[in-house]
């Protein structure tokens, strides 16, 4: 898709850029629903904070990929799926363990917010596909700043929305919400590997 004249025409189109940005934000959207469900009725301010962290990182990663692409680096394309899978698997197993442990501790107060580094690590894991896209964009005549900004804004919007959806799902799931969130992270990691080899 990203090589040759057809790819250039495709990416030069504004609507195509918006579709690209929306596609890049879907992983973050799915993760944010689980994050919102795992918290105890997160406030809109927390949803905005999460959206800002994810949006900024998602905007930066295609720029990093673009720079690497300009340097003709192939490492990102060869290893990004394994790095993303490893990070998501680690975070997913961690959430599963905390969810199961929480089920045996009724006196544990529900969390009100996620730590910055946990959110940042999750955001990096879900944005490595955007870095790979940035590598491809380096070989096309596109405005990388506008594309990265569009991806970041789309991710900010979808992550904030996902957190608020999770706010309403969380009370229905109770303590199972964190387990579900962990399973979602693991599933996204597996999907990244599957898409790379069979997509």
N, C-alpha and C. Protein backbone atom coordinates (compact mmCIF):
# COMPACT_ATOMS: atom_id res chain seq x y z
N UNK A 1 0.82 -1.20 0.00
CA UNK A 1 0.00 0.00 0.00
C UNK A 1 0.86 1.26 0.00
N UNK A 2 2.03 1.19 0.66
CA UNK A 2 2.81 2.39 0.87
C UNK A 2 3.95 2.54 -0.14
N UNK A 3 4.00 1.68 -1.16
CA UNK A 3 5.09 1.77 -2.12
C UNK A 3 4.55 2.19 -3.47
N UNK A 4 5.31 3.01 -4.20
CA UNK A 4 4.97 3.35 -5.56
C UNK A 4 3.95 4.47 -5.65
N UNK A 5 3.57 4.78 -6.90
CA UNK A 5 2.64 5.88 -7.18
C UNK A 5 1.27 5.67 -6.56
N UNK A 6 0.65 4.47 -6.62
CA UNK A 6 -0.66 4.30 -6.00
C UNK A 6 -0.66 4.64 -4.52
N UNK A 7 0.39 4.21 -3.82
CA UNK A 7 0.47 4.52 -2.40
C UNK A 7 0.62 6.01 -2.17
N UNK A 8 1.38 6.69 -3.05
CA UNK A 8 1.58 8.13 -2.92
C UNK A 8 0.26 8.87 -3.10
N UNK A 9 -0.50 8.50 -4.13
CA UNK A 9 -1.79 9.14 -4.38
C UNK A 9 -2.73 8.90 -3.20
N UNK A 10 -2.71 7.69 -2.69
CA UNK A 10 -3.58 7.31 -1.58
C UNK A 10 -3.31 8.17 -0.35
N UNK A 11 -2.03 8.33 0.00
CA UNK A 11 -1.68 9.04 1.22
C UNK A 11 -1.77 10.56 1.07
N UNK A 12 -1.71 11.06 -0.16
CA UNK A 12 -1.82 12.49 -0.37
C UNK A 12 -3.26 12.95 -0.17
N UNK A 13 -4.19 12.03 -0.22
CA UNK A 13 -5.60 12.36 -0.08
C UNK A 13 -5.92 12.57 1.39
N UNK A 14 -6.60 13.66 1.71
CA UNK A 14 -6.91 13.98 3.10
C UNK A 14 -7.78 12.92 3.74
N UNK A 15 -8.79 12.46 3.02
CA UNK A 15 -9.66 11.44 3.59
C UNK A 15 -8.90 10.16 3.88
N UNK A 16 -7.92 9.84 3.04
CA UNK A 16 -7.10 8.65 3.28
C UNK A 16 -6.24 8.83 4.52
N UNK A 17 -5.75 10.05 4.73
CA UNK A 17 -4.95 10.32 5.93
C UNK A 17 -5.80 10.16 7.18
N UNK A 18 -7.04 10.63 7.11
CA UNK A 18 -7.95 10.47 8.25
C UNK A 18 -8.25 9.00 8.52
N UNK A 19 -8.44 8.23 7.45
CA UNK A 19 -8.68 6.80 7.62
C UNK A 19 -7.46 6.10 8.21
N UNK A 20 -6.28 6.52 7.76
CA UNK A 20 -5.04 5.97 8.32
C UNK A 20 -4.95 6.27 9.80
N UNK A 21 -5.26 7.52 10.17
CA UNK A 21 -5.21 7.92 11.58
C UNK A 21 -6.22 7.13 12.40
N UNK A 22 -7.41 6.94 11.85
CA UNK A 22 -8.43 6.18 12.57
C UNK A 22 -7.97 4.74 12.78
N UNK A 23 -7.40 4.16 11.75
CA UNK A 23 -6.91 2.79 11.86
C UNK A 23 -5.80 2.65 12.89
N UNK A 24 -4.91 3.65 12.94
CA UNK A 24 -3.82 3.62 13.91
C UNK A 24 -4.32 3.76 15.35
N UNK A 25 -5.51 4.36 15.52
CA UNK A 25 -6.02 4.62 16.87
C UNK A 25 -6.87 3.48 17.42
N UNK A 26 -7.17 2.47 16.61
CA UNK A 26 -8.09 1.43 17.03
C UNK A 26 -7.55 0.57 18.18
N UNK A 27 -6.26 0.25 18.14
CA UNK A 27 -5.67 -0.53 19.23
C UNK A 27 -5.77 0.24 20.55
N UNK A 28 -5.46 1.53 20.49
CA UNK A 28 -5.53 2.36 21.70
C UNK A 28 -6.96 2.46 22.20
N UNK A 29 -7.92 2.52 21.29
CA UNK A 29 -9.33 2.57 21.66
C UNK A 29 -9.75 1.32 22.42
N UNK A 30 -9.35 0.16 21.89
CA UNK A 30 -9.71 -1.10 22.54
C UNK A 30 -9.06 -1.20 23.92
N UNK A 31 -7.80 -0.80 24.01
CA UNK A 31 -7.09 -0.86 25.29
C UNK A 31 -7.71 0.10 26.29
N UNK A 32 -8.09 1.29 25.84
CA UNK A 32 -8.62 2.30 26.76
C UNK A 32 -9.96 1.88 27.36
N UNK A 33 -10.74 1.10 26.63
CA UNK A 33 -12.00 0.59 27.19
C UNK A 33 -11.69 -0.30 28.39
N UNK A 34 -10.70 -1.17 28.21
CA UNK A 34 -10.29 -2.02 29.33
C UNK A 34 -9.72 -1.22 30.48
N UNK A 35 -8.94 -0.18 30.16
CA UNK A 35 -8.36 0.67 31.20
C UNK A 35 -9.46 1.38 31.98
N UNK A 36 -10.45 1.91 31.27
CA UNK A 36 -11.55 2.60 31.93
C UNK A 36 -12.39 1.67 32.78
N UNK A 37 -12.60 0.45 32.28
CA UNK A 37 -13.39 -0.53 33.03
C UNK A 37 -12.67 -0.98 34.29
N UNK A 38 -11.34 -1.00 34.25
CA UNK A 38 -10.57 -1.46 35.41
C UNK A 38 -10.57 -0.44 36.54
N UNK A 39 -10.84 0.82 36.23
CA UNK A 39 -10.88 1.85 37.27
C UNK A 39 -12.27 1.94 37.88
N UNK A 40 -12.35 2.60 39.03
CA UNK A 40 -13.63 2.80 39.70
C UNK A 40 -14.24 4.11 39.21
N UNK A 41 -15.09 4.02 38.19
CA UNK A 41 -15.77 5.19 37.62
C UNK A 41 -14.80 6.35 37.38
N UNK A 42 -13.86 6.19 36.43
CA UNK A 42 -12.88 7.26 36.17
C UNK A 42 -13.57 8.55 35.75
N UNK A 43 -13.03 9.67 36.21
CA UNK A 43 -13.59 10.97 35.86
C UNK A 43 -13.15 11.35 34.45
N UNK A 44 -13.86 12.32 33.88
CA UNK A 44 -13.54 12.77 32.53
C UNK A 44 -12.12 13.32 32.47
N UNK A 45 -11.66 13.94 33.55
CA UNK A 45 -10.30 14.46 33.61
C UNK A 45 -9.27 13.34 33.44
N UNK A 46 -9.55 12.18 34.06
CA UNK A 46 -8.65 11.04 33.92
C UNK A 46 -8.69 10.50 32.49
N UNK A 47 -9.87 10.52 31.88
CA UNK A 47 -9.99 10.08 30.49
C UNK A 47 -9.19 11.00 29.57
N UNK A 48 -9.25 12.31 29.82
CA UNK A 48 -8.48 13.27 29.02
C UNK A 48 -6.99 13.06 29.22
N UNK A 49 -6.58 12.80 30.47
CA UNK A 49 -5.17 12.55 30.76
C UNK A 49 -4.67 11.33 30.01
N UNK A 50 -5.45 10.25 30.06
CA UNK A 50 -5.07 9.04 29.34
C UNK A 50 -5.02 9.28 27.84
N UNK A 51 -6.02 9.99 27.32
CA UNK A 51 -6.06 10.30 25.90
C UNK A 51 -4.87 11.14 25.47
N UNK A 52 -4.46 12.08 26.34
CA UNK A 52 -3.33 12.94 26.01
C UNK A 52 -2.03 12.14 25.96
N UNK A 53 -1.84 11.23 26.92
CA UNK A 53 -0.63 10.41 26.94
C UNK A 53 -0.57 9.53 25.69
N UNK A 54 -1.67 8.85 25.40
CA UNK A 54 -1.71 7.98 24.22
C UNK A 54 -1.57 8.79 22.94
N UNK A 55 -2.26 9.93 22.86
CA UNK A 55 -2.22 10.75 21.65
C UNK A 55 -0.83 11.29 21.36
N UNK A 56 -0.14 11.77 22.40
CA UNK A 56 1.21 12.31 22.20
C UNK A 56 2.18 11.23 21.73
N UNK A 57 2.12 10.08 22.38
CA UNK A 57 3.03 8.99 22.00
C UNK A 57 2.70 8.48 20.60
N UNK A 58 1.41 8.40 20.28
CA UNK A 58 1.02 7.92 18.95
C UNK A 58 1.42 8.92 17.88
N UNK A 59 1.51 10.20 18.21
CA UNK A 59 1.96 11.22 17.25
C UNK A 59 3.47 11.19 17.08
N UNK A 60 4.18 10.85 18.16
CA UNK A 60 5.65 10.85 18.10
C UNK A 60 6.18 9.64 17.35
N UNK A 61 5.55 8.47 17.53
CA UNK A 61 6.12 7.25 16.96
C UNK A 61 6.22 7.26 15.43
N UNK A 62 5.23 7.79 14.67
CA UNK A 62 5.46 7.84 13.22
C UNK A 62 6.59 8.77 12.83
N UNK A 63 6.82 9.82 13.64
CA UNK A 63 7.95 10.71 13.38
C UNK A 63 9.27 9.97 13.59
N UNK A 64 9.33 9.16 14.65
CA UNK A 64 10.53 8.35 14.90
C UNK A 64 10.73 7.36 13.75
N UNK A 65 9.64 6.72 13.33
CA UNK A 65 9.73 5.79 12.22
C UNK A 65 10.16 6.48 10.94
N UNK A 66 9.66 7.70 10.72
CA UNK A 66 10.03 8.46 9.52
C UNK A 66 11.52 8.74 9.51
N UNK A 67 12.07 9.15 10.67
CA UNK A 67 13.51 9.41 10.77
C UNK A 67 14.30 8.14 10.48
N UNK A 68 13.85 7.02 11.08
CA UNK A 68 14.54 5.75 10.84
C UNK A 68 14.45 5.34 9.37
N UNK A 69 13.29 5.62 8.77
CA UNK A 69 13.13 5.32 7.36
C UNK A 69 14.06 6.15 6.50
N UNK A 70 14.23 7.42 6.88
CA UNK A 70 15.16 8.28 6.14
C UNK A 70 16.59 7.77 6.25
N UNK A 71 16.87 7.09 7.36
CA UNK A 71 18.19 6.50 7.54
C UNK A 71 18.28 5.10 6.96
N UNK A 72 17.20 4.69 6.28
CA UNK A 72 17.14 3.38 5.62
C UNK A 72 17.29 2.24 6.62
N UNK A 73 16.73 2.41 7.82
CA UNK A 73 16.81 1.35 8.81
C UNK A 73 15.68 0.35 8.59
N UNK A 74 16.01 -0.96 8.64
CA UNK A 74 15.02 -2.02 8.48
C UNK A 74 14.68 -2.68 9.82
N UNK A 75 15.33 -2.27 10.88
CA UNK A 75 15.13 -2.94 12.16
C UNK A 75 13.70 -2.78 12.66
N UNK A 76 13.12 -1.59 12.47
CA UNK A 76 11.76 -1.36 12.95
C UNK A 76 10.78 -2.31 12.26
N UNK A 77 10.91 -2.43 10.94
CA UNK A 77 10.01 -3.29 10.18
C UNK A 77 10.19 -4.76 10.56
N UNK A 78 11.40 -5.15 10.93
CA UNK A 78 11.67 -6.55 11.22
C UNK A 78 11.30 -6.95 12.64
N UNK A 79 11.35 -6.00 13.57
CA UNK A 79 11.18 -6.35 14.99
C UNK A 79 10.01 -5.67 15.69
N UNK A 80 9.36 -4.68 15.06
CA UNK A 80 8.34 -3.93 15.79
C UNK A 80 7.20 -4.80 16.29
N UNK A 81 6.80 -5.82 15.51
CA UNK A 81 5.68 -6.67 15.91
C UNK A 81 6.04 -7.51 17.13
N UNK A 82 7.29 -7.98 17.20
CA UNK A 82 7.71 -8.78 18.35
C UNK A 82 7.84 -7.91 19.61
N UNK A 83 8.32 -6.69 19.45
CA UNK A 83 8.42 -5.77 20.60
C UNK A 83 7.03 -5.45 21.14
N UNK A 84 6.11 -5.12 20.22
CA UNK A 84 4.74 -4.81 20.63
C UNK A 84 4.09 -6.01 21.32
N UNK A 85 4.27 -7.19 20.74
CA UNK A 85 3.70 -8.41 21.33
C UNK A 85 4.25 -8.64 22.73
N UNK A 86 5.56 -8.50 22.90
CA UNK A 86 6.18 -8.73 24.20
C UNK A 86 5.69 -7.76 25.26
N UNK A 87 5.59 -6.47 24.90
CA UNK A 87 5.12 -5.47 25.85
C UNK A 87 3.66 -5.72 26.24
N UNK A 88 2.82 -5.99 25.24
CA UNK A 88 1.40 -6.21 25.51
C UNK A 88 1.18 -7.49 26.30
N UNK A 89 1.96 -8.53 26.00
CA UNK A 89 1.85 -9.77 26.75
C UNK A 89 2.22 -9.54 28.21
N UNK A 90 3.32 -8.82 28.44
CA UNK A 90 3.76 -8.53 29.81
C UNK A 90 2.69 -7.74 30.57
N UNK A 91 2.18 -6.66 29.93
CA UNK A 91 1.18 -5.83 30.60
C UNK A 91 -0.13 -6.59 30.81
N UNK A 92 -0.50 -7.43 29.82
CA UNK A 92 -1.73 -8.19 29.94
C UNK A 92 -1.67 -9.21 31.07
N UNK A 93 -0.57 -9.92 31.16
CA UNK A 93 -0.39 -10.91 32.24
C UNK A 93 -0.38 -10.20 33.59
N UNK A 94 0.24 -9.03 33.62
CA UNK A 94 0.27 -8.25 34.87
C UNK A 94 -1.14 -7.87 35.30
N UNK A 95 -1.97 -7.41 34.36
CA UNK A 95 -3.35 -7.05 34.68
C UNK A 95 -4.16 -8.28 35.10
N UNK A 96 -3.92 -9.39 34.41
CA UNK A 96 -4.62 -10.63 34.79
C UNK A 96 -4.28 -11.03 36.22
N UNK A 97 -3.01 -10.97 36.56
CA UNK A 97 -2.58 -11.35 37.91
C UNK A 97 -3.19 -10.44 38.95
N UNK A 98 -3.22 -9.12 38.67
CA UNK A 98 -3.80 -8.18 39.62
C UNK A 98 -5.30 -8.38 39.74
N UNK A 99 -5.97 -8.70 38.62
CA UNK A 99 -7.40 -8.94 38.66
C UNK A 99 -7.75 -10.17 39.46
N UNK A 100 -7.00 -11.24 39.26
CA UNK A 100 -7.25 -12.48 40.01
C UNK A 100 -6.94 -12.28 41.48
N UNK A 101 -5.85 -11.58 41.77
CA UNK A 101 -5.48 -11.31 43.15
C UNK A 101 -6.51 -10.42 43.82
N UNK A 102 -7.09 -9.48 43.03
CA UNK A 102 -8.10 -8.58 43.58
C UNK A 102 -9.37 -9.31 43.96
N UNK A 103 -9.67 -10.41 43.24
CA UNK A 103 -10.88 -11.17 43.54
C UNK A 103 -10.81 -11.84 44.90
N UNK A 104 -9.60 -12.01 45.44
CA UNK A 104 -9.45 -12.66 46.73
C UNK A 104 -9.25 -11.65 47.86
N UNK A 105 -9.27 -10.37 47.51
CA UNK A 105 -9.06 -9.33 48.50
C UNK A 105 -10.20 -8.33 48.43
N UNK A 106 -11.25 -8.57 49.16
CA UNK A 106 -12.44 -7.76 49.07
C UNK A 106 -12.25 -6.37 49.67
N UNK A 107 -11.21 -6.19 50.52
CA UNK A 107 -11.05 -4.91 51.18
C UNK A 107 -10.18 -3.95 50.39
N UNK A 108 -9.62 -4.41 49.28
CA UNK A 108 -8.77 -3.54 48.48
C UNK A 108 -9.60 -2.46 47.80
N UNK A 109 -9.23 -1.22 48.00
CA UNK A 109 -9.99 -0.12 47.39
C UNK A 109 -9.73 -0.08 45.90
N UNK A 110 -10.78 0.16 45.09
CA UNK A 110 -10.59 0.21 43.65
C UNK A 110 -9.72 1.40 43.25
N UNK A 111 -8.91 1.20 42.22
CA UNK A 111 -8.01 2.26 41.77
C UNK A 111 -8.79 3.43 41.19
N UNK A 112 -8.27 4.63 41.38
CA UNK A 112 -8.91 5.83 40.84
C UNK A 112 -8.23 6.31 39.56
N UNK A 113 -6.98 5.89 39.35
CA UNK A 113 -6.27 6.31 38.15
C UNK A 113 -5.11 5.35 37.89
N UNK A 114 -4.66 5.31 36.65
CA UNK A 114 -3.51 4.49 36.28
C UNK A 114 -2.25 5.34 36.38
N UNK A 115 -1.14 4.69 36.73
CA UNK A 115 0.14 5.39 36.79
C UNK A 115 0.61 5.83 35.42
N UNK A 116 1.39 6.91 35.39
CA UNK A 116 1.86 7.45 34.11
C UNK A 116 2.67 6.44 33.33
N UNK A 117 3.62 5.77 33.99
CA UNK A 117 4.51 4.87 33.27
C UNK A 117 3.79 3.64 32.75
N UNK A 118 2.76 3.19 33.46
CA UNK A 118 1.95 2.08 32.96
C UNK A 118 1.22 2.49 31.69
N UNK A 119 0.64 3.68 31.70
CA UNK A 119 -0.05 4.18 30.51
C UNK A 119 0.91 4.42 29.36
N UNK A 120 2.08 4.99 29.68
CA UNK A 120 3.05 5.28 28.63
C UNK A 120 3.57 4.00 27.98
N UNK A 121 3.84 2.99 28.80
CA UNK A 121 4.32 1.71 28.26
C UNK A 121 3.26 1.07 27.38
N UNK A 122 2.02 1.11 27.83
CA UNK A 122 0.92 0.56 27.02
C UNK A 122 0.77 1.33 25.72
N UNK A 123 0.89 2.65 25.80
CA UNK A 123 0.77 3.48 24.60
C UNK A 123 1.87 3.17 23.61
N UNK A 124 3.09 3.00 24.09
CA UNK A 124 4.20 2.66 23.20
C UNK A 124 3.93 1.32 22.51
N UNK A 125 3.44 0.35 23.29
CA UNK A 125 3.18 -0.98 22.72
C UNK A 125 2.14 -0.93 21.62
N UNK A 126 1.10 -0.10 21.80
CA UNK A 126 0.04 -0.04 20.80
C UNK A 126 0.37 0.90 19.65
N UNK A 127 1.47 1.66 19.76
CA UNK A 127 1.80 2.63 18.71
C UNK A 127 2.96 2.21 17.83
N UNK A 128 3.52 1.03 18.06
CA UNK A 128 4.66 0.60 17.25
C UNK A 128 4.27 0.36 15.79
N UNK A 129 2.99 0.05 15.55
CA UNK A 129 2.56 -0.07 14.16
C UNK A 129 2.61 1.29 13.47
N UNK A 130 2.34 2.37 14.22
CA UNK A 130 2.45 3.72 13.66
C UNK A 130 3.90 4.06 13.34
N UNK A 131 4.83 3.54 14.14
CA UNK A 131 6.25 3.74 13.84
C UNK A 131 6.62 3.05 12.53
N UNK A 132 6.11 1.84 12.35
CA UNK A 132 6.38 1.12 11.10
C UNK A 132 5.79 1.86 9.91
N UNK A 133 4.60 2.44 10.08
CA UNK A 133 3.99 3.25 9.02
C UNK A 133 4.88 4.45 8.73
N UNK A 134 5.44 5.05 9.78
CA UNK A 134 6.34 6.19 9.58
C UNK A 134 7.54 5.84 8.73
N UNK A 135 8.06 4.61 8.90
CA UNK A 135 9.18 4.16 8.07
C UNK A 135 8.76 4.16 6.61
N UNK A 136 7.56 3.66 6.32
CA UNK A 136 7.07 3.63 4.95
C UNK A 136 6.85 5.03 4.39
N UNK A 137 6.36 5.95 5.23
CA UNK A 137 6.09 7.32 4.79
C UNK A 137 7.37 8.06 4.42
N UNK A 138 8.51 7.61 4.95
CA UNK A 138 9.78 8.28 4.64
C UNK A 138 10.11 8.18 3.16
N UNK A 139 9.54 7.19 2.48
CA UNK A 139 9.84 7.00 1.06
C UNK A 139 8.79 7.63 0.15
N UNK A 140 7.86 8.36 0.75
CA UNK A 140 6.80 9.02 -0.01
C UNK A 140 6.86 10.52 0.22
N UNK A 141 6.33 11.27 -0.72
CA UNK A 141 6.32 12.72 -0.63
C UNK A 141 5.08 13.17 0.13
N UNK A 142 5.08 13.01 1.45
CA UNK A 142 3.94 13.37 2.27
C UNK A 142 4.38 14.34 3.37
N UNK A 143 3.40 15.05 3.92
CA UNK A 143 3.66 15.94 5.04
C UNK A 143 3.62 15.11 6.31
N UNK A 144 4.77 14.67 6.79
CA UNK A 144 4.84 13.77 7.94
C UNK A 144 4.32 14.43 9.20
N UNK A 145 4.51 15.76 9.32
CA UNK A 145 4.05 16.47 10.52
C UNK A 145 2.52 16.46 10.60
N UNK A 146 1.88 16.74 9.46
CA UNK A 146 0.42 16.74 9.43
C UNK A 146 -0.13 15.34 9.68
N UNK A 147 0.52 14.34 9.06
CA UNK A 147 0.07 12.96 9.25
C UNK A 147 0.21 12.53 10.70
N UNK A 148 1.36 12.84 11.31
CA UNK A 148 1.59 12.47 12.71
C UNK A 148 0.61 13.19 13.63
N UNK A 149 0.35 14.46 13.35
CA UNK A 149 -0.59 15.23 14.17
C UNK A 149 -2.00 14.65 14.05
N UNK A 150 -2.38 14.26 12.84
CA UNK A 150 -3.70 13.67 12.63
C UNK A 150 -3.84 12.35 13.38
N UNK A 151 -2.79 11.53 13.32
CA UNK A 151 -2.80 10.25 14.06
C UNK A 151 -2.90 10.50 15.55
N UNK A 152 -2.14 11.48 16.06
CA UNK A 152 -2.18 11.80 17.48
C UNK A 152 -3.54 12.30 17.94
N UNK A 153 -4.15 13.17 17.13
CA UNK A 153 -5.48 13.70 17.48
C UNK A 153 -6.54 12.61 17.46
N UNK A 154 -6.46 11.73 16.46
CA UNK A 154 -7.42 10.63 16.39
C UNK A 154 -7.28 9.70 17.58
N UNK A 155 -6.04 9.43 17.97
CA UNK A 155 -5.79 8.55 19.12
C UNK A 155 -6.26 9.20 20.41
N UNK A 156 -6.00 10.50 20.55
CA UNK A 156 -6.48 11.22 21.74
C UNK A 156 -7.99 11.12 21.86
N UNK A 157 -8.69 11.35 20.76
CA UNK A 157 -10.15 11.30 20.76
C UNK A 157 -10.68 9.91 21.07
N UNK A 158 -10.12 8.91 20.38
CA UNK A 158 -10.62 7.54 20.55
C UNK A 158 -10.27 6.98 21.93
N UNK A 159 -9.10 7.34 22.47
CA UNK A 159 -8.72 6.86 23.80
C UNK A 159 -9.60 7.48 24.88
N UNK A 160 -9.84 8.77 24.77
CA UNK A 160 -10.73 9.44 25.73
C UNK A 160 -12.12 8.83 25.68
N UNK A 161 -12.62 8.61 24.46
CA UNK A 161 -13.94 7.98 24.30
C UNK A 161 -13.94 6.57 24.89
N UNK A 162 -12.89 5.82 24.63
CA UNK A 162 -12.80 4.46 25.14
C UNK A 162 -12.80 4.41 26.66
N UNK A 163 -12.10 5.36 27.29
CA UNK A 163 -12.08 5.43 28.75
C UNK A 163 -13.47 5.68 29.30
N UNK A 164 -14.23 6.55 28.67
CA UNK A 164 -15.57 6.85 29.16
C UNK A 164 -16.53 5.69 28.92
N UNK A 165 -16.33 4.95 27.84
CA UNK A 165 -17.13 3.75 27.62
C UNK A 165 -16.80 2.73 28.70
N UNK A 166 -15.51 2.60 29.01
CA UNK A 166 -15.09 1.69 30.07
C UNK A 166 -15.65 2.08 31.42
N UNK A 167 -15.87 3.37 31.64
CA UNK A 167 -16.45 3.85 32.90
C UNK A 167 -17.82 3.21 33.15
N UNK A 168 -18.59 3.05 32.09
CA UNK A 168 -19.94 2.49 32.25
C UNK A 168 -19.92 0.96 32.24
N UNK A 169 -18.91 0.40 31.57
CA UNK A 169 -18.80 -1.06 31.53
C UNK A 169 -18.25 -1.60 32.85
N UNK A 170 -17.34 -0.85 33.46
CA UNK A 170 -16.67 -1.29 34.68
C UNK A 170 -17.60 -1.75 35.79
N UNK A 171 -18.60 -0.91 36.17
CA UNK A 171 -19.49 -1.33 37.26
C UNK A 171 -20.26 -2.61 36.94
N UNK A 172 -20.52 -2.87 35.68
CA UNK A 172 -21.24 -4.09 35.30
C UNK A 172 -20.36 -5.32 35.45
N UNK A 173 -19.06 -5.13 35.21
CA UNK A 173 -18.14 -6.26 35.28
C UNK A 173 -17.57 -6.47 36.68
N UNK A 174 -17.57 -5.40 37.49
CA UNK A 174 -17.00 -5.52 38.82
C UNK A 174 -15.51 -5.76 38.75
N UNK A 175 -15.02 -6.66 39.60
CA UNK A 175 -13.59 -6.94 39.66
C UNK A 175 -13.09 -7.74 38.46
N UNK A 176 -14.02 -8.24 37.65
CA UNK A 176 -13.60 -8.96 36.44
C UNK A 176 -13.10 -8.01 35.36
N UNK A 177 -13.32 -6.69 35.54
CA UNK A 177 -12.93 -5.71 34.52
C UNK A 177 -11.42 -5.75 34.25
N UNK A 178 -10.62 -5.86 35.30
CA UNK A 178 -9.17 -5.87 35.11
C UNK A 178 -8.73 -7.14 34.40
N UNK A 179 -9.39 -8.25 34.69
CA UNK A 179 -9.10 -9.50 33.99
C UNK A 179 -9.41 -9.34 32.51
N UNK A 180 -10.57 -8.74 32.22
CA UNK A 180 -10.95 -8.51 30.83
C UNK A 180 -9.94 -7.59 30.14
N UNK A 181 -9.50 -6.54 30.86
CA UNK A 181 -8.52 -5.64 30.28
C UNK A 181 -7.22 -6.35 29.94
N UNK A 182 -6.78 -7.25 30.81
CA UNK A 182 -5.58 -8.03 30.55
C UNK A 182 -5.73 -8.92 29.33
N UNK A 183 -6.89 -9.54 29.22
CA UNK A 183 -7.15 -10.40 28.06
C UNK A 183 -7.17 -9.60 26.76
N UNK A 184 -7.70 -8.38 26.84
CA UNK A 184 -7.72 -7.51 25.65
C UNK A 184 -6.30 -7.18 25.21
N UNK A 185 -5.43 -6.84 26.16
CA UNK A 185 -4.04 -6.53 25.82
C UNK A 185 -3.35 -7.73 25.16
N UNK A 186 -3.54 -8.91 25.74
CA UNK A 186 -2.92 -10.11 25.18
C UNK A 186 -3.48 -10.40 23.79
N UNK A 187 -4.79 -10.21 23.62
CA UNK A 187 -5.42 -10.46 22.32
C UNK A 187 -4.89 -9.51 21.25
N UNK A 188 -4.70 -8.24 21.62
CA UNK A 188 -4.17 -7.26 20.66
C UNK A 188 -2.74 -7.63 20.28
N UNK A 189 -1.95 -8.06 21.26
CA UNK A 189 -0.59 -8.49 20.96
C UNK A 189 -0.57 -9.66 19.99
N UNK A 190 -1.44 -10.65 20.22
CA UNK A 190 -1.53 -11.80 19.31
C UNK A 190 -2.01 -11.38 17.93
N UNK A 191 -2.94 -10.41 17.88
CA UNK A 191 -3.45 -9.93 16.59
C UNK A 191 -2.36 -9.24 15.79
N UNK A 192 -1.48 -8.50 16.49
CA UNK A 192 -0.36 -7.83 15.81
C UNK A 192 0.55 -8.86 15.15
N UNK A 193 0.86 -9.93 15.87
CA UNK A 193 1.71 -10.99 15.31
C UNK A 193 1.01 -11.67 14.13
N UNK A 194 -0.28 -11.97 14.31
CA UNK A 194 -1.03 -12.66 13.26
C UNK A 194 -1.09 -11.79 11.99
N UNK A 195 -1.38 -10.49 12.18
CA UNK A 195 -1.48 -9.59 11.02
C UNK A 195 -0.14 -9.48 10.29
N UNK A 196 0.96 -9.50 11.05
CA UNK A 196 2.27 -9.37 10.41
C UNK A 196 2.58 -10.57 9.54
N UNK A 197 2.26 -11.75 10.00
CA UNK A 197 2.64 -12.96 9.28
C UNK A 197 1.55 -13.45 8.31
N UNK A 198 0.28 -13.15 8.61
CA UNK A 198 -0.80 -13.72 7.79
C UNK A 198 -1.74 -12.66 7.23
N UNK A 199 -1.60 -11.39 7.70
CA UNK A 199 -2.53 -10.37 7.27
C UNK A 199 -2.26 -9.89 5.85
